[in-house]
Amino acid sequence: MLVAVQVTGDRDMNKLNKSICHVCGKHYDNSAICIICAVHIQPLAKPKRKNILWNIVEAVFGKNLKDAEPRYRWLIIAVILIATVLVATYYITGIHSNISPSHAHMTTIDDDYFREWIMAELKYHGILDLDDSLEDFFYCTDVWRLSRDEVVELANSGYALAQFRLGSMYFLGNYVNVTQCDNQAFMWWHMAAEQGNAHAQHNLGTRYGLGDGVTRCDYHAVSWWRKAAEQGNRLSQLSLGEAYWQGHGVIRSEHQAVIWWRKAAMQGHSRAQFNLGAVYRRGQGVPQDYLQAAIWYRKSAEQGNASAQSNLATMYVHGRGVVQNHYQGAIWFRKASEQSYILAQFGLGWLYLIGLGVSQCNINAALWYRKAAEQGHAASQFNLGWMYEQGHGVPQNFVMSIMWYSKAAIQGITPAIEALEALEAGS
């Protein structure tokens, strides 16, 4: 019996094109049923398409592309790509004396490398913290791409965005025809801030808060942070919250700190999210709420904040705010440990030692205790000393045991002092 098949859409038509009956071998152009055998037929396999990179490789090495014309075409594409990368490298690194890194956008390669370098500079100087993105500091993409002379012209004409940009150029001092100058940076930022530029206002607040380039003044720092925070600048919201928490430039208020941290956290700032998790866990400025603590710790942890990852792991281990799950605790401890976070390394070592959430393994326990101990964590130093004394996870070695016990004892760990006395009495 023949079955009528309705073909709908180009995609379905292509599937039925050039099909074969695997019973009698008859070919069809557009059919789903063989008229001889009355069985469903299968489309012929189509040859795989090679991607652009593979075609270039074949053209360069002279394989498979037998026709001269396609080979020449792909060779030309390869040369163009290589030339583009080289020119972009010159622009980005400023190797050519007449080329500024800020002109890298003229090539087909974007300026991600240059932006990462700028971020490193800003974080080194304390303008950005580890959670901040370049857009928090250097958000004006249009002005970003202008030359120094163009920025100066716009800044002198009173354009706040250009004034902010020029202040940033002087602060970094790594541009053609721009010498690093804190005074010039401060002057241009101040001009932009007076016109209401929130990013410039935040930078002024940070300079006053650190006493970098100006006399430290917590009152002025808070004043500029407040102006920016009220415009929604999440960095200033975080800084203003910390000022209220510490009582710097304002009367100390945990409640006000939480208000400003929440504003920054709602905008995705991971440190503000961590701070909210911490105050909910401790019940400071807000009623204690482990569920809310876990929620905010998770938001921060998922952005890579090691402190939040470690605290979330602890909540999983103890079942606070979440269903107790040692396996999840181990996962989050490991994420933080791989960022060299001491408390997480200690926690992961403890899980390996007693076999919670992971297979019990003294070797791994000693490994993570050592990482924390070498960073000065007293409890890890004591535990590592005990493992050397007992020969658990490491070869028994009383000299190493005494060394680690001594390091812990210096930091006031009473069991370490008692362990040293016992070893001396037994020797």
Protein backbone atom coordinates (compact mmCIF):
# COMPACT_ATOMS: atom_id res chain seq x y z
CA MET A 1 0.00 0.00 0.00
CA LEU A 2 1.30 3.44 -0.89
CA VAL A 3 1.25 6.17 1.72
CA ALA A 4 0.80 9.80 0.75
CA VAL A 5 3.48 12.03 2.27
CA GLN A 6 3.08 15.78 2.59
CA VAL A 7 6.39 17.63 2.46
CA THR A 8 6.47 20.94 4.29
CA GLY A 9 9.36 23.40 4.41
CA ASP A 10 12.71 23.54 2.66
CA ARG A 11 14.45 21.64 5.44
CA ASP A 12 12.13 18.61 5.04
CA MET A 13 12.46 18.79 1.23
CA ASN A 14 16.23 18.65 1.52
CA LYS A 15 16.00 15.59 3.72
CA LEU A 16 14.00 13.72 1.04
CA ASN A 17 16.19 14.85 -1.86
CA LYS A 18 18.32 12.09 -3.43
CA SER A 19 17.04 9.14 -1.40
CA ILE A 20 17.59 5.41 -2.00
CA CYS A 21 15.60 2.26 -1.24
CA HIS A 22 17.93 -0.11 0.55
CA VAL A 23 15.81 -3.11 -0.50
CA CYS A 24 15.75 -2.79 -4.29
CA GLY A 25 18.32 -0.01 -4.73
CA LYS A 26 16.02 2.36 -6.66
CA HIS A 27 16.87 6.10 -6.38
CA TYR A 28 14.29 8.83 -5.84
CA ASP A 29 14.47 12.60 -5.93
CA ASN A 30 11.57 13.40 -3.63
CA SER A 31 9.86 10.48 -1.93
CA ALA A 32 9.56 8.81 1.44
CA ILE A 33 8.15 5.42 0.24
CA CYS A 34 9.55 3.10 -2.43
CA ILE A 35 6.80 2.49 -5.03
CA ILE A 36 8.19 -1.02 -5.70
CA CYS A 37 8.86 -2.35 -2.20
CA ALA A 38 6.44 -0.12 -0.24
CA VAL A 39 9.07 0.50 2.44
CA HIS A 40 10.46 3.70 3.88
CA ILE A 41 13.57 4.90 2.10
CA GLN A 42 16.62 6.64 3.56
CA PRO A 43 18.33 9.81 2.38
CA LEU A 44 21.81 9.44 1.01
CA ALA A 45 24.56 10.66 3.31
CA LYS A 46 25.82 14.07 2.34
CA PRO A 47 29.54 14.77 2.24
CA LYS A 48 30.78 16.72 5.25
CA ARG A 49 31.69 20.31 4.66
CA LYS A 50 35.17 21.38 5.64
CA ASN A 51 35.49 24.50 7.70
CA ILE A 52 37.41 27.58 6.62
CA LEU A 53 40.46 26.82 8.75
CA TRP A 54 40.82 23.35 7.22
CA ASN A 55 40.59 24.77 3.69
CA ILE A 56 43.36 27.23 4.52
CA VAL A 57 45.55 24.42 5.90
CA GLU A 58 45.00 22.37 2.75
CA ALA A 59 45.83 25.38 0.57
CA VAL A 60 49.05 26.13 2.47
CA PHE A 61 50.29 22.55 2.51
CA GLY A 62 48.98 21.61 -0.94
CA LYS A 63 46.70 18.75 0.05
CA ASN A 64 43.35 17.69 -1.43
CA LEU A 65 42.59 21.04 -3.09
CA LYS A 66 43.44 19.87 -6.60
CA ASP A 67 42.14 22.84 -8.55
CA ALA A 68 44.51 25.79 -8.81
CA GLU A 69 41.85 28.46 -8.48
CA PRO A 70 40.44 27.36 -5.09
CA ARG A 71 43.96 26.88 -3.74
CA TYR A 72 45.03 30.40 -4.70
CA ARG A 73 41.84 31.78 -3.20
CA TRP A 74 42.45 30.13 0.16
CA LEU A 75 46.12 31.11 0.12
CA ILE A 76 45.12 34.73 -0.34
CA ILE A 77 42.67 34.45 2.58
CA ALA A 78 45.43 32.96 4.77
CA VAL A 79 47.83 35.80 3.91
CA ILE A 80 45.17 38.42 4.66
CA LEU A 81 44.36 36.87 8.04
CA ILE A 82 48.02 36.65 9.05
CA ALA A 83 48.65 40.24 7.97
CA THR A 84 45.60 41.44 9.91
CA VAL A 85 46.79 39.74 13.09
CA LEU A 86 50.29 41.25 12.73
CA VAL A 87 49.00 44.76 12.12
CA ALA A 88 46.61 44.46 15.06
CA THR A 89 49.51 43.31 17.25
CA TYR A 90 51.48 46.40 16.30
CA TYR A 91 48.53 48.61 17.17
CA ILE A 92 47.74 46.88 20.43
CA THR A 93 51.28 46.70 21.78
CA GLY A 94 52.40 50.06 20.39
CA ILE A 95 55.54 48.50 18.85
CA HIS A 96 55.53 51.04 16.03
CA SER A 97 56.54 54.46 17.34
CA ASN A 98 53.74 56.23 15.47
CA ILE A 99 50.97 53.90 16.61
CA SER A 100 48.97 54.33 19.79
CA PRO A 101 47.38 51.31 21.50
CA SER A 102 44.10 53.24 21.52
CA HIS A 103 44.00 52.91 17.72
CA ALA A 104 43.76 49.11 17.75
CA HIS A 105 40.10 49.35 16.78
CA MET A 106 41.14 50.35 13.25
CA THR A 107 41.92 46.70 12.51
CA THR A 108 39.49 43.79 12.41
CA ILE A 109 40.87 42.54 15.76
CA ASP A 110 39.16 44.01 18.83
CA ASP A 111 41.02 45.57 21.74
CA ASP A 112 40.29 42.93 24.40
CA TYR A 113 43.99 42.45 25.12
CA PHE A 114 44.46 46.16 25.64
CA ARG A 115 41.35 46.35 27.84
CA GLU A 116 42.63 43.50 30.04
CA TRP A 117 45.91 45.34 30.47
CA ILE A 118 44.04 48.52 31.44
CA MET A 119 42.04 46.52 34.00
CA ALA A 120 45.23 45.14 35.53
CA GLU A 121 46.64 48.65 35.84
CA LEU A 122 43.47 50.00 37.44
CA LYS A 123 43.26 47.14 39.94
CA TYR A 124 46.95 47.53 40.79
CA HIS A 125 46.38 51.20 41.59
CA GLY A 126 43.28 50.44 43.66
CA ILE A 127 40.74 52.04 41.33
CA LEU A 128 39.02 48.73 40.61
CA ASP A 129 38.71 45.77 42.94
CA LEU A 130 38.81 42.16 41.80
CA ASP A 131 35.06 42.10 41.15
CA ASP A 132 34.88 45.17 38.95
CA SER A 133 34.78 45.27 35.17
CA LEU A 134 36.43 47.81 32.93
CA GLU A 135 33.03 49.26 32.07
CA ASP A 136 32.66 50.30 35.72
CA PHE A 137 35.63 52.62 35.27
CA PHE A 138 36.00 53.26 31.59
CA TYR A 139 32.50 52.92 30.25
CA CYS A 140 32.46 55.51 27.44
CA THR A 141 33.08 53.41 24.35
CA ASP A 142 32.78 56.30 21.89
CA VAL A 143 35.35 58.43 23.68
CA TRP A 144 37.45 55.32 24.30
CA ARG A 145 38.24 55.13 20.60
CA LEU A 146 39.28 58.76 20.14
CA SER A 147 42.90 59.88 19.92
CA ARG A 148 44.50 61.92 22.66
CA ASP A 149 44.19 65.20 20.72
CA GLU A 150 40.52 64.55 19.97
CA VAL A 151 39.83 63.82 23.64
CA VAL A 152 41.67 66.99 24.72
CA GLU A 153 39.66 69.10 22.29
CA LEU A 154 36.36 67.68 23.56
CA ALA A 155 37.46 67.97 27.22
CA ASN A 156 38.42 71.65 26.75
CA SER A 157 35.03 72.28 25.19
CA GLY A 158 33.40 71.09 28.44
CA TYR A 159 32.32 67.57 27.40
CA ALA A 160 32.18 65.68 30.72
CA LEU A 161 32.70 62.26 29.17
CA ALA A 162 35.90 63.42 27.50
CA GLN A 163 37.09 65.06 30.72
CA PHE A 164 36.61 61.77 32.51
CA ARG A 165 38.46 59.94 29.73
CA LEU A 166 41.34 62.42 29.76
CA GLY A 167 41.66 62.10 33.53
CA SER A 168 41.91 58.34 33.09
CA MET A 169 44.61 58.76 30.44
CA TYR A 170 46.69 60.96 32.77
CA PHE A 171 46.13 58.56 35.67
CA LEU A 172 47.55 55.63 33.71
CA GLY A 173 50.13 57.59 31.74
CA ASN A 174 50.66 54.82 29.19
CA TYR A 175 49.47 56.63 26.09
CA VAL A 176 51.32 58.37 23.28
CA ASN A 177 51.90 62.03 24.20
CA VAL A 178 50.43 61.54 27.69
CA THR A 179 52.75 61.54 30.71
CA GLN A 180 51.42 60.05 33.94
CA CYS A 181 50.29 62.84 36.25
CA ASP A 182 48.07 62.39 39.29
CA ASN A 183 47.37 66.12 39.53
CA GLN A 184 46.14 66.29 35.93
CA ALA A 185 44.07 63.14 36.44
CA PHE A 186 42.49 64.59 39.56
CA MET A 187 41.83 67.94 37.86
CA TRP A 188 40.01 66.43 34.85
CA TRP A 189 38.09 63.95 36.99
CA HIS A 190 37.02 66.82 39.24
CA MET A 191 35.77 68.82 36.24
CA ALA A 192 33.77 65.83 35.01
CA ALA A 193 32.47 65.08 38.51
CA GLU A 194 31.22 68.65 38.94
CA GLN A 195 29.13 68.09 35.82
CA GLY A 196 27.59 64.99 37.35
CA ASN A 197 29.70 62.23 35.80
CA ALA A 198 29.15 59.33 38.23
CA HIS A 199 32.31 57.44 37.30
CA ALA A 200 34.47 60.51 37.87
CA GLN A 201 32.68 61.10 41.17
CA HIS A 202 33.48 57.55 42.25
CA ASN A 203 37.14 57.93 41.29
CA LEU A 204 37.42 61.16 43.29
CA GLY A 205 35.85 59.44 46.28
CA THR A 206 38.33 56.59 45.96
CA ARG A 207 41.30 58.99 45.74
CA TYR A 208 40.14 60.78 48.90
CA GLY A 209 39.42 57.48 50.64
CA LEU A 210 42.91 56.12 49.90
CA GLY A 211 44.76 59.42 50.24
CA ASP A 212 46.29 58.77 46.84
CA GLY A 213 47.39 62.01 45.17
CA VAL A 214 45.41 64.07 47.71
CA THR A 215 45.25 64.38 51.47
CA ARG A 216 43.08 61.58 52.80
CA CYS A 217 39.66 62.82 53.82
CA ASP A 218 36.89 60.36 54.66
CA TYR A 219 34.30 63.15 54.63
CA HIS A 220 35.12 64.15 51.03
CA ALA A 221 35.31 60.49 50.02
CA VAL A 222 31.81 59.81 51.34
CA SER A 223 30.50 63.01 49.77
CA TRP A 224 31.62 62.01 46.26
CA TRP A 225 30.63 58.35 46.73
CA ARG A 226 27.14 59.45 47.75
CA LYS A 227 26.74 61.61 44.63
CA ALA A 228 27.73 58.68 42.41
CA ALA A 229 25.78 56.09 44.42
CA GLU A 230 22.59 58.10 44.11
CA GLN A 231 23.04 57.93 40.34
CA GLY A 232 23.21 54.14 40.55
CA ASN A 233 26.99 53.64 40.41
CA ARG A 234 27.43 50.21 42.01
CA LEU A 235 31.08 50.79 42.96
CA SER A 236 30.14 53.85 44.98
CA GLN A 237 27.19 52.02 46.48
CA LEU A 238 29.59 49.34 47.70
CA SER A 239 32.11 51.91 48.97
CA LEU A 240 29.42 53.97 50.70
CA GLY A 241 28.12 50.82 52.39
CA GLU A 242 31.62 50.03 53.65
CA ALA A 243 32.01 53.60 54.91
CA TYR A 244 28.81 53.22 56.95
CA TRP A 245 29.91 49.79 58.19
CA GLN A 246 33.26 51.10 59.41
CA GLY A 247 32.07 54.56 60.44
CA HIS A 248 34.49 56.37 58.15
CA GLY A 249 33.27 59.86 57.29
CA VAL A 250 29.77 59.08 58.60
CA ILE A 251 28.17 57.90 61.82
CA ARG A 252 28.49 54.10 61.86
CA SER A 253 25.25 52.39 60.82
CA GLU A 254 24.90 48.72 59.98
CA HIS A 255 21.40 49.40 58.68
CA GLN A 256 22.61 52.03 56.18
CA ALA A 257 25.49 49.77 55.15
CA VAL A 258 23.04 46.99 54.30
CA ILE A 259 20.84 49.40 52.32
CA TRP A 260 23.72 50.47 50.05
CA TRP A 261 25.20 46.98 49.75
CA ARG A 262 21.80 45.70 48.67
CA LYS A 263 21.63 48.33 45.92
CA ALA A 264 25.05 47.24 44.61
CA ALA A 265 24.23 43.55 45.04
CA MET A 266 21.03 43.94 43.02
CA GLN A 267 23.24 45.24 40.20
CA GLY A 268 25.34 42.07 40.37
CA HIS A 269 28.39 43.23 42.32
CA SER A 270 29.81 40.04 43.80
CA ARG A 271 31.50 41.62 46.81
CA ALA A 272 28.30 43.40 47.78
CA GLN A 273 26.46 40.09 47.39
CA PHE A 274 29.02 38.43 49.66
CA ASN A 275 28.63 41.22 52.23
CA LEU A 276 24.86 40.72 52.25
CA GLY A 277 25.32 36.98 52.76
CA ALA A 278 27.65 37.67 55.68
CA VAL A 279 25.29 40.10 57.48
CA TYR A 280 22.34 37.72 57.05
CA ARG A 281 24.42 34.86 58.42
CA ARG A 282 25.53 36.86 61.46
CA GLY A 283 22.30 38.84 61.90
CA GLN A 284 23.98 42.25 61.75
CA GLY A 285 21.90 45.12 60.38
CA VAL A 286 19.20 42.58 59.45
CA PRO A 287 17.48 39.71 61.28
CA GLN A 288 19.55 36.52 61.10
CA ASP A 289 18.40 34.46 58.14
CA TYR A 290 20.46 31.51 56.93
CA LEU A 291 18.27 31.05 53.86
CA GLN A 292 18.95 34.62 52.68
CA ALA A 293 22.62 34.19 53.57
CA ALA A 294 22.86 31.12 51.35
CA ILE A 295 21.03 32.89 48.51
CA TRP A 296 23.42 35.83 48.45
CA TYR A 297 26.50 33.67 49.01
CA ARG A 298 25.47 31.59 46.00
CA LYS A 299 25.02 34.66 43.77
CA SER A 300 28.50 35.83 44.68
CA ALA A 301 30.03 32.36 44.53
CA GLU A 302 28.72 31.78 41.03
CA GLN A 303 30.67 34.86 39.97
CA GLY A 304 33.88 33.34 41.32
CA ASN A 305 34.15 35.06 44.71
CA ALA A 306 36.35 32.68 46.73
CA SER A 307 35.12 33.89 50.14
CA ALA A 308 31.51 33.31 49.11
CA GLN A 309 32.38 29.89 47.69
CA SER A 310 34.01 28.86 50.95
CA ASN A 311 31.15 30.15 53.10
CA LEU A 312 28.56 28.49 50.89
CA ALA A 313 30.50 25.23 51.25
CA THR A 314 30.42 25.61 55.03
CA MET A 315 26.65 26.10 54.93
CA TYR A 316 26.27 22.91 52.89
CA VAL A 317 28.47 20.98 55.32
CA HIS A 318 26.47 22.12 58.35
CA GLY A 319 23.07 22.28 56.63
CA ARG A 320 22.38 25.94 57.35
CA GLY A 321 20.08 27.68 54.89
CA VAL A 322 20.38 24.69 52.56
CA VAL A 323 19.80 20.95 52.78
CA GLN A 324 22.94 19.38 54.26
CA ASN A 325 25.04 18.03 51.42
CA HIS A 326 28.70 17.19 52.01
CA TYR A 327 29.26 16.51 48.32
CA GLN A 328 28.17 20.05 47.41
CA GLY A 329 30.30 21.32 50.27
CA ALA A 330 33.34 19.62 48.79
CA ILE A 331 32.60 21.08 45.34
CA TRP A 332 32.47 24.66 46.62
CA PHE A 333 35.46 24.18 48.94
CA ARG A 334 37.46 22.97 45.94
CA LYS A 335 36.46 25.97 43.80
CA ALA A 336 37.66 28.34 46.50
CA SER A 337 40.75 26.24 47.29
CA GLU A 338 41.88 26.44 43.69
CA GLN A 339 41.95 30.21 44.19
CA SER A 340 44.29 29.68 47.18
CA TYR A 341 41.62 30.64 49.72
CA ILE A 342 43.03 29.42 53.04
CA LEU A 343 39.84 28.55 54.90
CA ALA A 344 38.57 26.52 51.94
CA GLN A 345 41.85 24.61 51.73
CA PHE A 346 41.56 23.80 55.43
CA GLY A 347 37.92 22.75 54.98
CA LEU A 348 38.71 20.55 52.01
CA GLY A 349 41.55 18.92 53.92
CA TRP A 350 39.16 18.18 56.77
CA LEU A 351 36.61 16.58 54.41
CA TYR A 352 39.32 14.33 52.95
CA LEU A 353 40.57 13.42 56.41
CA ILE A 354 37.19 12.16 57.65
CA GLY A 355 35.75 11.18 54.25
CA LEU A 356 32.72 13.46 53.99
CA GLY A 357 31.54 14.29 50.48
CA VAL A 358 34.73 12.76 49.08
CA SER A 359 36.49 9.43 49.38
CA GLN A 360 38.57 9.35 52.55
CA CYS A 361 42.19 10.05 51.59
CA ASN A 362 44.92 11.03 54.04
CA ILE A 363 47.25 11.97 51.18
CA ASN A 364 44.82 14.55 49.82
CA ALA A 365 44.07 15.74 53.34
CA ALA A 366 47.77 16.38 53.96
CA LEU A 367 48.09 18.05 50.55
CA TRP A 368 45.38 20.65 51.26
CA TYR A 369 46.45 21.14 54.88
CA ARG A 370 49.95 21.89 53.61
CA LYS A 371 48.69 24.51 51.15
CA ALA A 372 46.86 26.31 53.94
CA ALA A 373 49.67 25.81 56.45
CA GLU A 374 52.23 27.33 54.10
CA GLN A 375 50.03 30.44 53.99
CA GLY A 376 50.17 30.65 57.79
CA HIS A 377 46.87 29.02 58.78
CA ALA A 378 47.45 27.90 62.38
CA ALA A 379 44.88 25.07 62.54
CA SER A 380 46.26 23.60 59.31
CA GLN A 381 49.78 23.80 60.70
CA PHE A 382 48.68 21.87 63.77
CA ASN A 383 46.83 19.23 61.73
CA LEU A 384 49.80 18.80 59.40
CA GLY A 385 52.08 18.41 62.41
CA TRP A 386 49.76 15.71 63.76
CA MET A 387 49.78 13.89 60.40
CA TYR A 388 53.59 13.87 60.38
CA GLU A 389 53.60 12.60 63.95
CA GLN A 390 51.19 9.77 63.16
CA GLY A 391 52.43 9.06 59.63
CA HIS A 392 49.02 9.66 58.08
CA GLY A 393 49.16 10.75 54.44
CA VAL A 394 52.88 11.54 54.80
CA PRO A 395 55.90 9.52 55.96
CA GLN A 396 56.23 9.65 59.74
CA ASN A 397 58.72 12.39 60.53
CA PHE A 398 59.06 13.82 64.04
CA VAL A 399 61.30 16.66 62.90
CA MET A 400 58.64 17.88 60.47
CA SER A 401 55.99 17.29 63.11
CA ILE A 402 57.82 19.48 65.62
CA MET A 403 58.35 22.18 62.97
CA TRP A 404 54.64 22.46 62.14
CA TYR A 405 53.57 22.15 65.79
CA SER A 406 55.95 25.00 66.61
CA LYS A 407 54.51 27.23 63.90
CA ALA A 408 51.01 26.60 65.25
CA ALA A 409 52.13 27.08 68.87
CA ILE A 410 53.60 30.50 68.06
CA GLN A 411 50.12 31.52 66.95
CA GLY A 412 48.65 30.40 70.25
CA ILE A 413 47.18 27.00 69.34
CA THR A 414 46.99 25.28 72.74
CA PRO A 415 46.86 21.66 71.42
CA ALA A 416 50.07 22.39 69.49
CA ILE A 417 51.81 23.54 72.67
CA GLU A 418 50.64 20.42 74.47
CA ALA A 419 51.77 18.21 71.55
CA LEU A 420 55.26 19.74 71.68
CA GLU A 421 55.48 19.14 75.41
CA ALA A 422 54.43 15.52 74.92
CA LEU A 423 57.03 14.97 72.19
CA GLU A 424 59.75 16.49 74.35
CA ALA A 425 58.73 14.36 77.32
CA GLY A 426 58.80 11.21 75.21
CA SER A 427 62.19 11.89 73.63
